[in-house]
PDB file of N, CA and C in Angstrom:
ATOM      1  N   UNK A   1      72.322  93.086 154.356  1.00  0.00           N
ATOM      2  CA  UNK A   1      71.768  92.984 152.549  1.00  0.00           C
ATOM      3  C   UNK A   1      70.369  92.952 152.730  1.00  0.00           C
ATOM      4  N   UNK A   2      69.441  93.634 152.251  1.00  0.00           N
ATOM      5  CA  UNK A   2      68.290  94.583 152.333  1.00  0.00           C
ATOM      6  C   UNK A   2      67.646  93.890 150.868  1.00  0.00           C
ATOM      7  N   UNK A   3      66.663  93.813 152.084  1.00  0.00           N
ATOM      8  CA  UNK A   3      65.423  92.404 151.377  1.00  0.00           C
ATOM      9  C   UNK A   3      64.364  93.519 151.258  1.00  0.00           C
ATOM     10  N   UNK A   4      63.397  92.976 150.052  1.00  0.00           N
ATOM     11  CA  UNK A   4      62.829  93.618 150.100  1.00  0.00           C
ATOM     12  C   UNK A   4      61.065  93.689 150.446  1.00  0.00           C
ATOM     13  N   UNK A   5      60.398  94.308 151.763  1.00  0.00           N
ATOM     14  CA  UNK A   5      59.646  94.185 152.397  1.00  0.00           C
ATOM     15  C   UNK A   5      58.775  93.517 152.048  1.00  0.00           C
ATOM     16  N   UNK A   6      58.207  93.910 151.028  1.00  0.00           N
ATOM     17  CA  UNK A   6      56.571  93.271 150.326  1.00  0.00           C
ATOM     18  C   UNK A   6      56.788  91.768 149.144  1.00  0.00           C
ATOM     19  N   UNK A   7      58.246  91.712 149.216  1.00  0.00           N
ATOM     20  CA  UNK A   7      58.924  90.324 148.590  1.00  0.00           C
ATOM     21  C   UNK A   7      58.048  89.445 148.611  1.00  0.00           C
ATOM     22  N   UNK A   8      57.642  89.306 147.243  1.00  0.00           N
ATOM     23  CA  UNK A   8      56.531  87.755 147.179  1.00  0.00           C
ATOM     24  C   UNK A   8      54.852  87.805 148.268  1.00  0.00           C
ATOM     25  N   UNK A   9      54.814  89.263 148.225  1.00  0.00           N
ATOM     26  CA  UNK A   9      53.555  90.135 148.693  1.00  0.00           C
ATOM     27  C   UNK A   9      52.552  90.604 147.230  1.00  0.00           C
ATOM     28  N   UNK A  10      51.584  89.881 146.925  1.00  0.00           N
ATOM     29  CA  UNK A  10      50.900  90.188 145.935  1.00  0.00           C
ATOM     30  C   UNK A  10      49.740  91.500 146.180  1.00  0.00           C
ATOM     31  N   UNK A  11      49.656  93.077 145.102  1.00  0.00           N
ATOM     32  CA  UNK A  11      49.269  93.675 145.943  1.00  0.00           C
ATOM     33  C   UNK A  11      48.135  93.359 144.737  1.00  0.00           C
ATOM     34  N   UNK A  12      46.567  94.125 144.406  1.00  0.00           N
ATOM     35  CA  UNK A  12      45.958  93.757 143.690  1.00  0.00           C
ATOM     36  C   UNK A  12      44.349  94.056 144.991  1.00  0.00           C
ATOM     37  N   UNK A  13      43.215  93.964 143.412  1.00  0.00           N
ATOM     38  CA  UNK A  13      42.198  94.143 144.332  1.00  0.00           C
ATOM     39  C   UNK A  13      41.647  92.959 145.271  1.00  0.00           C
ATOM     40  N   UNK A  14      41.117  93.597 146.351  1.00  0.00           N
ATOM     41  CA  UNK A  14      40.604  93.110 147.460  1.00  0.00           C
ATOM     42  C   UNK A  14      39.421  91.859 146.755  1.00  0.00           C
ATOM     43  N   UNK A  15      39.551  90.810 148.319  1.00  0.00           N
ATOM     44  CA  UNK A  15      38.851  89.852 147.349  1.00  0.00           C
ATOM     45  C   UNK A  15      37.113  90.526 148.307  1.00  0.00           C
ATOM     46  N   UNK A  16      37.406  91.544 149.024  1.00  0.00           N
ATOM     47  CA  UNK A  16      36.282  92.189 148.842  1.00  0.00           C
ATOM     48  C   UNK A  16      35.687  93.122 147.684  1.00  0.00           C
ATOM     49  N   UNK A  17      36.010  93.031 146.646  1.00  0.00           N
ATOM     50  CA  UNK A  17      35.314  94.159 145.975  1.00  0.00           C
ATOM     51  C   UNK A  17      34.555  93.077 144.995  1.00  0.00           C
ATOM     52  N   UNK A  18      34.649  91.307 144.660  1.00  0.00           N
ATOM     53  CA  UNK A  18      33.432  91.330 144.684  1.00  0.00           C
ATOM     54  C   UNK A  18      32.217  91.518 144.586  1.00  0.00           C
ATOM     55  N   UNK A  19      31.669  91.421 145.352  1.00  0.00           N
ATOM     56  CA  UNK A  19      30.880  91.914 145.667  1.00  0.00           C
ATOM     57  C   UNK A  19      30.326  92.980 145.452  1.00  0.00           C
ATOM     58  N   UNK A  20      30.925  93.866 145.388  1.00  0.00           N
ATOM     59  CA  UNK A  20      30.421  94.872 144.434  1.00  0.00           C
ATOM     60  C   UNK A  20      29.733  95.601 143.624  1.00  0.00           C
ATOM     61  N   UNK A  21      31.307  94.505 142.450  1.00  0.00           N
ATOM     62  CA  UNK A  21      31.012  94.182 141.263  1.00  0.00           C
ATOM     63  C   UNK A  21      29.613  93.644 140.658  1.00  0.00           C
ATOM     64  N   UNK A  22      29.603  92.540 141.360  1.00  0.00           N
ATOM     65  CA  UNK A  22      28.280  91.646 141.676  1.00  0.00           C
ATOM     66  C   UNK A  22      27.171  92.585 141.312  1.00  0.00           C
ATOM     67  N   UNK A  23      26.869  93.385 141.921  1.00  0.00           N
ATOM     68  CA  UNK A  23      26.014  94.862 142.094  1.00  0.00           C
ATOM     69  C   UNK A  23      26.216  94.985 140.905  1.00  0.00           C
ATOM     70  N   UNK A  24      27.558  96.037 140.956  1.00  0.00           N
ATOM     71  CA  UNK A  24      26.838  96.703 140.260  1.00  0.00           C
ATOM     72  C   UNK A  24      26.682  95.920 138.778  1.00  0.00           C
ATOM     73  N   UNK A  25      27.068  94.871 138.374  1.00  0.00           N
ATOM     74  CA  UNK A  25      27.000  94.007 136.817  1.00  0.00           C
ATOM     75  C   UNK A  25      24.796  93.813 137.088  1.00  0.00           C
ATOM     76  N   UNK A  26      24.542  93.104 138.123  1.00  0.00           N
ATOM     77  CA  UNK A  26      23.587  92.988 138.709  1.00  0.00           C
ATOM     78  C   UNK A  26      22.394  94.207 137.840  1.00  0.00           C
ATOM     79  N   UNK A  27      23.650  95.184 138.527  1.00  0.00           N
ATOM     80  CA  UNK A  27      21.803  96.665 137.925  1.00  0.00           C
ATOM     81  C   UNK A  27      21.757  96.966 137.187  1.00  0.00           C
ATOM     82  N   UNK A  28      23.028  96.117 136.300  1.00  0.00           N
ATOM     83  CA  UNK A  28      22.297  96.264 134.731  1.00  0.00           C
ATOM     84  C   UNK A  28      21.564  95.113 134.112  1.00  0.00           C
ATOM     85  N   UNK A  29      21.516  94.573 134.585  1.00  0.00           N
ATOM     86  CA  UNK A  29      20.565  93.650 134.200  1.00  0.00           C
ATOM     87  C   UNK A  29      20.933  92.301 134.604  1.00  0.00           C
ATOM     88  N   UNK A  30      19.881  91.453 134.782  1.00  0.00           N
ATOM     89  CA  UNK A  30      20.111  90.553 135.591  1.00  0.00           C
ATOM     90  C   UNK A  30      20.623  89.004 134.233  1.00  0.00           C
ATOM     91  N   UNK A  31      21.122  88.551 134.965  1.00  0.00           N
ATOM     92  CA  UNK A  31      22.343  87.550 134.172  1.00  0.00           C
ATOM     93  C   UNK A  31      22.667  86.480 134.777  1.00  0.00           C
ATOM     94  N   UNK A  32      23.837  85.809 134.713  1.00  0.00           N
ATOM     95  CA  UNK A  32      23.933  83.499 134.815  1.00  0.00           C
ATOM     96  C   UNK A  32      25.009  84.209 135.319  1.00  0.00           C
ATOM     97  N   UNK A  33      24.985  82.758 135.732  1.00  0.00           N
ATOM     98  CA  UNK A  33      26.460  82.509 136.758  1.00  0.00           C
ATOM     99  C   UNK A  33      27.859  82.462 135.733  1.00  0.00           C
ATOM    100  N   UNK A  34      28.469  81.873 134.655  1.00  0.00           N
ATOM    101  CA  UNK A  34      29.118  81.830 133.560  1.00  0.00           C
ATOM    102  C   UNK A  34      29.558  83.049 133.410  1.00  0.00           C
ATOM    103  N   UNK A  35      28.240  84.020 133.578  1.00  0.00           N
ATOM    104  CA  UNK A  35      28.886  85.341 132.740  1.00  0.00           C
ATOM    105  C   UNK A  35      28.691  86.102 133.703  1.00  0.00           C
ATOM    106  N   UNK A  36      28.711  86.453 134.373  1.00  0.00           N
ATOM    107  CA  UNK A  36      28.720  86.630 135.486  1.00  0.00           C
ATOM    108  C   UNK A  36      30.609  86.521 135.617  1.00  0.00           C
ATOM    109  N   UNK A  37      30.807  85.083 136.059  1.00  0.00           N
ATOM    110  CA  UNK A  37      32.732  85.511 135.908  1.00  0.00           C
ATOM    111  C   UNK A  37      33.584  85.476 134.644  1.00  0.00           C
ATOM    112  N   UNK A  38      33.165  85.562 133.600  1.00  0.00           N
ATOM    113  CA  UNK A  38      33.852  86.090 132.450  1.00  0.00           C
ATOM    114  C   UNK A  38      33.257  87.880 132.763  1.00  0.00           C
ATOM    115  N   UNK A  39      32.418  88.535 133.043  1.00  0.00           N
ATOM    116  CA  UNK A  39      31.914  89.646 133.691  1.00  0.00           C
ATOM    117  C   UNK A  39      33.058  90.530 134.583  1.00  0.00           C
ATOM    118  N   UNK A  40      33.349  89.651 135.724  1.00  0.00           N
ATOM    119  CA  UNK A  40      34.403  89.649 136.982  1.00  0.00           C
ATOM    120  C   UNK A  40      35.980  89.855 136.474  1.00  0.00           C
ATOM    121  N   UNK A  41      36.040  89.206 135.661  1.00  0.00           N
ATOM    122  CA  UNK A  41      37.128  88.623 135.045  1.00  0.00           C
ATOM    123  C   UNK A  41      37.851  89.802 134.652  1.00  0.00           C
ATOM    124  N   UNK A  42      36.679  90.580 133.447  1.00  0.00           N
ATOM    125  CA  UNK A  42      37.204  91.425 133.253  1.00  0.00           C
ATOM    126  C   UNK A  42      37.850  92.844 133.535  1.00  0.00           C
ATOM    127  N   UNK A  43      36.703  93.095 134.781  1.00  0.00           N
ATOM    128  CA  UNK A  43      37.162  94.310 135.778  1.00  0.00           C
ATOM    129  C   UNK A  43      37.971  93.761 136.516  1.00  0.00           C
ATOM    130  N   UNK A  44      39.217  93.185 136.598  1.00  0.00           N
ATOM    131  CA  UNK A  44      39.889  92.664 137.116  1.00  0.00           C
ATOM    132  C   UNK A  44      40.024  91.823 138.279  1.00  0.00           C
ATOM    133  N   UNK A  45      39.477  90.800 138.222  1.00  0.00           N
ATOM    134  CA  UNK A  45      38.954  90.738 139.031  1.00  0.00           C
ATOM    135  C   UNK A  45      39.577  88.960 138.432  1.00  0.00           C
ATOM    136  N   UNK A  46      40.635  89.094 138.010  1.00  0.00           N
ATOM    137  CA  UNK A  46      41.541  87.813 136.403  1.00  0.00           C
ATOM    138  C   UNK A  46      42.184  86.250 138.027  1.00  0.00           C
ATOM    139  N   UNK A  47      41.890  86.383 139.154  1.00  0.00           N
ATOM    140  CA  UNK A  47      41.914  84.611 139.604  1.00  0.00           C
ATOM    141  C   UNK A  47      40.489  84.488 139.996  1.00  0.00           C
ATOM    142  N   UNK A  48      39.724  84.536 139.724  1.00  0.00           N
ATOM    143  CA  UNK A  48      37.575  84.737 140.088  1.00  0.00           C
ATOM    144  C   UNK A  48      38.370  83.123 139.615  1.00  0.00           C
ATOM    145  N   UNK A  49      36.883  82.114 140.114  1.00  0.00           N
ATOM    146  CA  UNK A  49      36.615  80.942 140.559  1.00  0.00           C
ATOM    147  C   UNK A  49      35.127  80.791 140.160  1.00  0.00           C
ATOM    148  N   UNK A  50      35.201  80.093 139.586  1.00  0.00           N
ATOM    149  CA  UNK A  50      33.421  79.287 139.830  1.00  0.00           C
ATOM    150  C   UNK A  50      32.736  79.505 140.862  1.00  0.00           C
ATOM    151  N   UNK A  51      33.355  78.516 141.396  1.00  0.00           N
ATOM    152  CA  UNK A  51      33.407  78.131 143.298  1.00  0.00           C
ATOM    153  C   UNK A  51      32.882  79.519 143.860  1.00  0.00           C
ATOM    154  N   UNK A  52      34.236  79.996 143.711  1.00  0.00           N
ATOM    155  CA  UNK A  52      33.553  81.197 144.325  1.00  0.00           C
ATOM    156  C   UNK A  52      32.963  82.347 144.009  1.00  0.00           C
ATOM    157  N   UNK A  53      32.451  82.290 143.251  1.00  0.00           N
ATOM    158  CA  UNK A  53      31.712  83.135 142.553  1.00  0.00           C
ATOM    159  C   UNK A  53      30.117  82.102 142.759  1.00  0.00           C
ATOM    160  N   UNK A  54      30.331  81.080 143.063  1.00  0.00           N
ATOM    161  CA  UNK A  54      28.689  81.099 143.350  1.00  0.00           C
ATOM    162  C   UNK A  54      28.324  80.903 144.427  1.00  0.00           C
ATOM    163  N   UNK A  55      29.806  80.124 145.472  1.00  0.00           N
ATOM    164  CA  UNK A  55      29.373  80.409 147.117  1.00  0.00           C
ATOM    165  C   UNK A  55      28.312  81.976 147.120  1.00  0.00           C
ATOM    166  N   UNK A  56      29.561  83.417 147.143  1.00  0.00           N
ATOM    167  CA  UNK A  56      29.604  84.125 147.348  1.00  0.00           C
ATOM    168  C   UNK A  56      27.695  84.839 146.354  1.00  0.00           C
ATOM    169  N   UNK A  57      27.447  84.059 145.370  1.00  0.00           N
ATOM    170  CA  UNK A  57      25.955  84.182 144.735  1.00  0.00           C
ATOM    171  C   UNK A  57      24.822  83.815 145.917  1.00  0.00           C
ATOM    172  N   UNK A  58      25.174  82.855 146.570  1.00  0.00           N
ATOM    173  CA  UNK A  58      24.629  81.716 147.601  1.00  0.00           C
ATOM    174  C   UNK A  58      23.898  83.283 149.061  1.00  0.00           C
ATOM    175  N   UNK A  59      25.574  83.759 149.258  1.00  0.00           N
ATOM    176  CA  UNK A  59      25.773  84.001 150.509  1.00  0.00           C
ATOM    177  C   UNK A  59      24.450  85.303 150.449  1.00  0.00           C
ATOM    178  N   UNK A  60      24.740  86.395 148.707  1.00  0.00           N
ATOM    179  CA  UNK A  60      24.655  87.452 148.628  1.00  0.00           C
ATOM    180  C   UNK A  60      22.737  87.312 148.903  1.00  0.00           C
ATOM    181  N   UNK A  61      22.358  86.256 148.664  1.00  0.00           N
ATOM    182  CA  UNK A  61      20.930  86.191 148.232  1.00  0.00           C
ATOM    183  C   UNK A  61      20.675  86.062 149.603  1.00  0.00           C
ATOM    184  N   UNK A  62      21.147  84.912 149.992  1.00  0.00           N
ATOM    185  CA  UNK A  62      20.765  84.829 151.724  1.00  0.00           C
ATOM    186  C   UNK A  62      20.812  86.679 152.419  1.00  0.00           C
ATOM    187  N   UNK A  63      21.919  86.709 152.219  1.00  0.00           N
ATOM    188  CA  UNK A  63      21.425  88.849 152.863  1.00  0.00           C
ATOM    189  C   UNK A  63      20.718  89.356 152.264  1.00  0.00           C
ATOM    190  N   UNK A  64      20.005  88.849 151.007  1.00  0.00           N
ATOM    191  CA  UNK A  64      18.499  89.056 150.580  1.00  0.00           C
ATOM    192  C   UNK A  64      19.095  90.956 149.490  1.00  0.00           C
ATOM    193  N   UNK A  65      20.713  90.724 148.709  1.00  0.00           N
ATOM    194  CA  UNK A  65      20.496  91.545 147.970  1.00  0.00           C
ATOM    195  C   UNK A  65      20.801  91.261 146.673  1.00  0.00           C
ATOM    196  N   UNK A  66      19.752  89.885 146.488  1.00  0.00           N
ATOM    197  CA  UNK A  66      19.893  90.067 145.253  1.00  0.00           C
ATOM    198  C   UNK A  66      18.761  88.200 145.417  1.00  0.00           C
ATOM    199  N   UNK A  67      18.460  88.014 144.126  1.00  0.00           N
ATOM    200  CA  UNK A  67      17.274  86.612 144.351  1.00  0.00           C
ATOM    201  C   UNK A  67      17.653  85.991 142.756  1.00  0.00           C
ATOM    202  N   UNK A  68      17.050  85.150 142.563  1.00  0.00           N
ATOM    203  CA  UNK A  68      18.641  83.493 141.536  1.00  0.00           C
ATOM    204  C   UNK A  68      16.652  82.794 141.399  1.00  0.00           C
ATOM    205  N   UNK A  69      17.014  82.523 140.463  1.00  0.00           N
ATOM    206  CA  UNK A  69      15.652  81.629 139.702  1.00  0.00           C
ATOM    207  C   UNK A  69      16.421  80.250 138.834  1.00  0.00           C
ATOM    208  N   UNK A  70      15.601  79.619 138.573  1.00  0.00           N
ATOM    209  CA  UNK A  70      16.226  78.645 137.010  1.00  0.00           C
ATOM    210  C   UNK A  70      15.240  78.553 136.130  1.00  0.00           C
ATOM    211  N   UNK A  71      16.008  78.781 135.055  1.00  0.00           N
ATOM    212  CA  UNK A  71      15.221  79.289 133.290  1.00  0.00           C
ATOM    213  C   UNK A  71      15.454  78.624 133.408  1.00  0.00           C
ATOM    214  N   UNK A  72      14.780  77.644 131.916  1.00  0.00           N
ATOM    215  CA  UNK A  72      14.715  76.674 130.979  1.00  0.00           C
ATOM    216  C   UNK A  72      16.180  76.764 129.798  1.00  0.00           C
ATOM    217  N   UNK A  73      16.980  76.653 129.933  1.00  0.00           N
ATOM    218  CA  UNK A  73      17.671  76.332 128.879  1.00  0.00           C
ATOM    219  C   UNK A  73      18.034  75.343 127.152  1.00  0.00           C
ATOM    220  N   UNK A  74      16.756  76.225 125.939  1.00  0.00           N
ATOM    221  CA  UNK A  74      17.129  75.135 125.054  1.00  0.00           C
ATOM    222  C   UNK A  74      18.044  74.798 124.345  1.00  0.00           C
ATOM    223  N   UNK A  75      19.584  75.163 125.041  1.00  0.00           N
ATOM    224  CA  UNK A  75      21.142  74.431 124.297  1.00  0.00           C
ATOM    225  C   UNK A  75      21.423  73.557 125.697  1.00  0.00           C
ATOM    226  N   UNK A  76      20.430  73.456 126.259  1.00  0.00           N
ATOM    227  CA  UNK A  76      21.311  72.910 127.291  1.00  0.00           C
ATOM    228  C   UNK A  76      20.530  72.691 129.262  1.00  0.00           C
ATOM    229  N   UNK A  77      21.341  72.470 130.218  1.00  0.00           N
ATOM    230  CA  UNK A  77      20.466  71.746 130.952  1.00  0.00           C
ATOM    231  C   UNK A  77      19.869  73.850 131.750  1.00  0.00           C
ATOM    232  N   UNK A  78      18.754  73.588 132.821  1.00  0.00           N
ATOM    233  CA  UNK A  78      18.202  74.480 133.320  1.00  0.00           C
ATOM    234  C   UNK A  78      19.977  75.921 133.395  1.00  0.00           C
ATOM    235  N   UNK A  79      19.623  77.202 133.880  1.00  0.00           N
ATOM    236  CA  UNK A  79      20.575  77.649 133.964  1.00  0.00           C
ATOM    237  C   UNK A  79      19.586  78.686 135.004  1.00  0.00           C
ATOM    238  N   UNK A  80      20.925  79.375 136.335  1.00  0.00           N
ATOM    239  CA  UNK A  80      19.972  79.892 137.469  1.00  0.00           C
ATOM    240  C   UNK A  80      20.594  81.242 136.992  1.00  0.00           C
ATOM    241  N   UNK A  81      19.878  82.263 137.532  1.00  0.00           N
ATOM    242  CA  UNK A  81      19.259  84.009 136.402  1.00  0.00           C
ATOM    243  C   UNK A  81      19.393  84.530 137.731  1.00  0.00           C
ATOM    244  N   UNK A  82      20.140  85.710 137.954  1.00  0.00           N
ATOM    245  CA  UNK A  82      20.471  86.331 138.756  1.00  0.00           C
ATOM    246  C   UNK A  82      20.202  87.874 139.199  1.00  0.00           C
ATOM    247  N   UNK A  83      18.887  88.289 140.071  1.00  0.00           N
ATOM    248  CA  UNK A  83      18.800  89.641 139.617  1.00  0.00           C
ATOM    249  C   UNK A  83      19.286  90.239 141.060  1.00  0.00           C
ATOM    250  N   UNK A  84      19.283  91.967 141.289  1.00  0.00           N
ATOM    251  CA  UNK A  84      19.004  93.247 142.150  1.00  0.00           C
ATOM    252  C   UNK A  84      18.418  92.667 142.615  1.00  0.00           C
ATOM    253  N   UNK A  85      17.909  93.122 143.864  1.00  0.00           N
ATOM    254  CA  UNK A  85      16.982  93.320 144.368  1.00  0.00           C
ATOM    255  C   UNK A  85      17.130  94.681 145.404  1.00  0.00           C
ATOM    256  N   UNK A  86      15.883  95.556 146.019  1.00  0.00           N
ATOM    257  CA  UNK A  86      16.304  97.079 146.488  1.00  0.00           C
ATOM    258  C   UNK A  86      16.896  97.544 147.018  1.00  0.00           C
ATOM    259  N   UNK A  87      17.515  95.946 148.278  1.00  0.00           N
ATOM    260  CA  UNK A  87      18.196  96.406 149.263  1.00  0.00           C
ATOM    261  C   UNK A  87      19.553  96.183 148.580  1.00  0.00           C
ATOM    262  N   UNK A  88      19.457  95.109 147.331  1.00  0.00           N
ATOM    263  CA  UNK A  88      20.767  95.222 147.099  1.00  0.00           C
ATOM    264  C   UNK A  88      21.805  96.286 145.976  1.00  0.00           C
ATOM    265  N   UNK A  89      20.490  97.334 145.491  1.00  0.00           N
ATOM    266  CA  UNK A  89      20.257  98.378 145.524  1.00  0.00           C
ATOM    267  C   UNK A  89      21.481  99.200 146.429  1.00  0.00           C
ATOM    268  N   UNK A  90      20.781  99.851 147.645  1.00  0.00           N
ATOM    269  CA  UNK A  90      20.996 100.401 148.501  1.00  0.00           C
ATOM    270  C   UNK A  90      23.061  99.959 148.935  1.00  0.00           C
ATOM    271  N   UNK A  91      22.829  98.543 149.055  1.00  0.00           N
ATOM    272  CA  UNK A  91      23.886  97.947 149.146  1.00  0.00           C
ATOM    273  C   UNK A  91      24.740  98.085 148.328  1.00  0.00           C
ATOM    274  N   UNK A  92      24.823  99.318 147.048  1.00  0.00           N
ATOM    275  CA  UNK A  92      25.253  98.697 146.297  1.00  0.00           C
ATOM    276  C   UNK A  92      25.719 100.477 146.399  1.00  0.00           C
ATOM    277  N   UNK A  93      25.198 101.088 146.551  1.00  0.00           N
ATOM    278  CA  UNK A  93      25.284 102.957 146.487  1.00  0.00           C
ATOM    279  C   UNK A  93      25.913 102.685 147.750  1.00  0.00           C
ATOM    280  N   UNK A  94      26.338 101.597 149.259  1.00  0.00           N
ATOM    281  CA  UNK A  94      27.117 102.578 150.423  1.00  0.00           C
ATOM    282  C   UNK A  94      27.928 102.057 149.889  1.00  0.00           C
ATOM    283  N   UNK A  95      28.121 100.463 148.063  1.00  0.00           N
ATOM    284  CA  UNK A  95      29.503  99.817 148.980  1.00  0.00           C
ATOM    285  C   UNK A  95      30.266 101.087 147.307  1.00  0.00           C
ATOM    286  N   UNK A  96      29.913 101.839 146.232  1.00  0.00           N
ATOM    287  CA  UNK A  96      29.751 102.555 146.146  1.00  0.00           C
ATOM    288  C   UNK A  96      30.777 103.638 146.375  1.00  0.00           C
ATOM    289  N   UNK A  97      29.419 104.436 147.372  1.00  0.00           N
ATOM    290  CA  UNK A  97      30.724 105.290 148.430  1.00  0.00           C
ATOM    291  C   UNK A  97      31.412 105.486 148.833  1.00  0.00           C
ATOM    292  N   UNK A  98      32.382 103.229 149.227  1.00  0.00           N
ATOM    293  CA  UNK A  98      33.198 103.529 150.187  1.00  0.00           C
ATOM    294  C   UNK A  98      34.348 102.852 149.068  1.00  0.00           C
ATOM    295  N   UNK A  99      34.169 103.062 147.983  1.00  0.00           N
ATOM    296  CA  UNK A  99      35.223 102.337 146.769  1.00  0.00           C
ATOM    297  C   UNK A  99      35.463 103.763 146.580  1.00  0.00           C
ATOM    298  N   UNK A 100      34.309 105.367 146.104  1.00  0.00           N
ATOM    299  CA  UNK A 100      34.707 106.306 145.940  1.00  0.00           C
ATOM    300  C   UNK A 100      35.816 107.202 147.199  1.00  0.00           C
ATOM    301  N   UNK A 101      35.444 106.886 148.325  1.00  0.00           N
ATOM    302  CA  UNK A 101      36.208 107.369 149.905  1.00  0.00           C
ATOM    303  C   UNK A 101      37.423 105.837 149.112  1.00  0.00           C
ATOM    304  N   UNK A 102      38.137 105.283 149.036  1.00  0.00           N
ATOM    305  CA  UNK A 102      39.080 105.304 148.705  1.00  0.00           C
ATOM    306  C   UNK A 102      40.018 104.930 148.020  1.00  0.00           C
ATOM    307  N   UNK A 103      39.325 105.502 146.978  1.00  0.00           N
ATOM    308  CA  UNK A 103      39.871 106.008 146.278  1.00  0.00           C
ATOM    309  C   UNK A 103      40.257 107.478 145.996  1.00  0.00           C
ATOM    310  N   UNK A 104      39.660 108.678 146.499  1.00  0.00           N
ATOM    311  CA  UNK A 104      40.164 109.093 146.816  1.00  0.00           C
ATOM    312  C   UNK A 104      41.965 109.348 148.544  1.00  0.00           C
ATOM    313  N   UNK A 105      41.148 108.113 148.576  1.00  0.00           N
ATOM    314  CA  UNK A 105      42.972 108.016 149.423  1.00  0.00           C
ATOM    315  C   UNK A 105      43.991 107.310 148.954  1.00  0.00           C
ATOM    316  N   UNK A 106      43.736 106.403 147.647  1.00  0.00           N
ATOM    317  CA  UNK A 106      44.753 106.051 146.737  1.00  0.00           C
ATOM    318  C   UNK A 106      45.292 107.096 146.373  1.00  0.00           C
ATOM    319  N   UNK A 107      44.534 107.694 145.681  1.00  0.00           N
ATOM    320  CA  UNK A 107      45.122 109.441 144.871  1.00  0.00           C
ATOM    321  C   UNK A 107      45.593 110.108 145.854  1.00  0.00           C
ATOM    322  N   UNK A 108      46.095 110.312 147.067  1.00  0.00           N
ATOM    323  CA  UNK A 108      46.470 111.075 148.133  1.00  0.00           C
ATOM    324  C   UNK A 108      47.510 110.625 147.961  1.00  0.00           C
ATOM    325  N   UNK A 109      47.870 109.392 148.291  1.00  0.00           N
ATOM    326  CA  UNK A 109      49.316 108.267 148.447  1.00  0.00           C
ATOM    327  C   UNK A 109      50.071 108.554 147.348  1.00  0.00           C
ATOM    328  N   UNK A 110      48.612 107.755 145.529  1.00  0.00           N
ATOM    329  CA  UNK A 110      49.604 108.279 144.625  1.00  0.00           C
ATOM    330  C   UNK A 110      50.052 110.011 144.065  1.00  0.00           C
ATOM    331  N   UNK A 111      49.471 110.912 144.552  1.00  0.00           N
ATOM    332  CA  UNK A 111      50.110 111.905 144.540  1.00  0.00           C
ATOM    333  C   UNK A 111      51.379 112.103 145.225  1.00  0.00           C
ATOM    334  N   UNK A 112      51.179 112.003 146.268  1.00  0.00           N
ATOM    335  CA  UNK A 112      52.378 111.971 147.073  1.00  0.00           C
ATOM    336  C   UNK A 112      53.445 111.586 147.483  1.00  0.00           C
ATOM    337  N   UNK A 113      53.390 109.909 147.012  1.00  0.00           N
ATOM    338  CA  UNK A 113      54.036 109.432 146.017  1.00  0.00           C
ATOM    339  C   UNK A 113      54.880 109.963 144.773  1.00  0.00           C
ATOM    340  N   UNK A 114      53.994 110.191 143.550  1.00  0.00           N
ATOM    341  CA  UNK A 114      55.243 111.086 142.623  1.00  0.00           C
ATOM    342  C   UNK A 114      55.813 112.457 143.347  1.00  0.00           C
ATOM    343  N   UNK A 115      55.478 113.085 144.164  1.00  0.00           N
ATOM    344  CA  UNK A 115      55.864 114.621 144.346  1.00  0.00           C
ATOM    345  C   UNK A 115      57.959 114.171 144.712  1.00  0.00           C
ATOM    346  N   UNK A 116      58.310 115.543 143.480  1.00  0.00           N
ATOM    347  CA  UNK A 116      59.743 115.702 143.769  1.00  0.00           C
ATOM    348  C   UNK A 116      60.164 115.901 145.448  1.00  0.00           C
ATOM    349  N   UNK A 117      60.686 114.835 145.617  1.00  0.00           N
ATOM    350  CA  UNK A 117      61.813 114.972 147.479  1.00  0.00           C
ATOM    351  C   UNK A 117      62.390 116.094 147.074  1.00  0.00           C
ATOM    352  N   UNK A 118      62.533 117.389 148.316  1.00  0.00           N
ATOM    353  CA  UNK A 118      63.277 118.453 148.435  1.00  0.00           C
ATOM    354  C   UNK A 118      64.881 118.463 148.574  1.00  0.00           C
ATOM    355  N   UNK A 119      65.267 118.358 147.572  1.00  0.00           N
ATOM    356  CA  UNK A 119      67.008 118.631 147.941  1.00  0.00           C
ATOM    357  C   UNK A 119      67.182 118.954 149.023  1.00  0.00           C
ATOM    358  N   UNK A 120      68.504 118.282 149.707  1.00  0.00           N
ATOM    359  CA  UNK A 120      68.449 118.350 151.254  1.00  0.00           C
ATOM    360  C   UNK A 120      68.773 119.501 151.300  1.00  0.00           C
ATOM    361  N   UNK A 121      69.921 120.280 152.903  1.00  0.00           N
ATOM    362  CA  UNK A 121      70.383 122.025 152.720  1.00  0.00           C
ATOM    363  C   UNK A 121      70.951 120.987 152.499  1.00  0.00           C
ATOM    364  N   UNK A 122      72.396 122.339 152.469  1.00  0.00           N
ATOM    365  CA  UNK A 122      73.742 121.580 152.928  1.00  0.00           C
ATOM    366  C   UNK A 122      74.073 122.813 153.513  1.00  0.00           C
TER     367      UNK A 122
END
């Protein structure tokens, strides 16, 4: 019996996709954590959770690619606001270059897969 070699494996976006997505979103304007979580899910990371998002945001702040501050809210407790830094913009460019190369390689694989196999010689 032949079993599927990838049975049980989940393919999809890698976890490292989160950082470039956050940098991209923050390059469009400052935002709050919960808003970022909703936008991240809309970009394809449907399994993203708040805990992982906030850990990543803190790590990115330590790395100097974003900064944050507490902002008072009229409708509840203060919320942390995040924005990209100049180092973050440079990191975003590097990440986008890398994603473009990944896209190129994936396109090669998909095109090759879609090409019809040649008929065997008789």
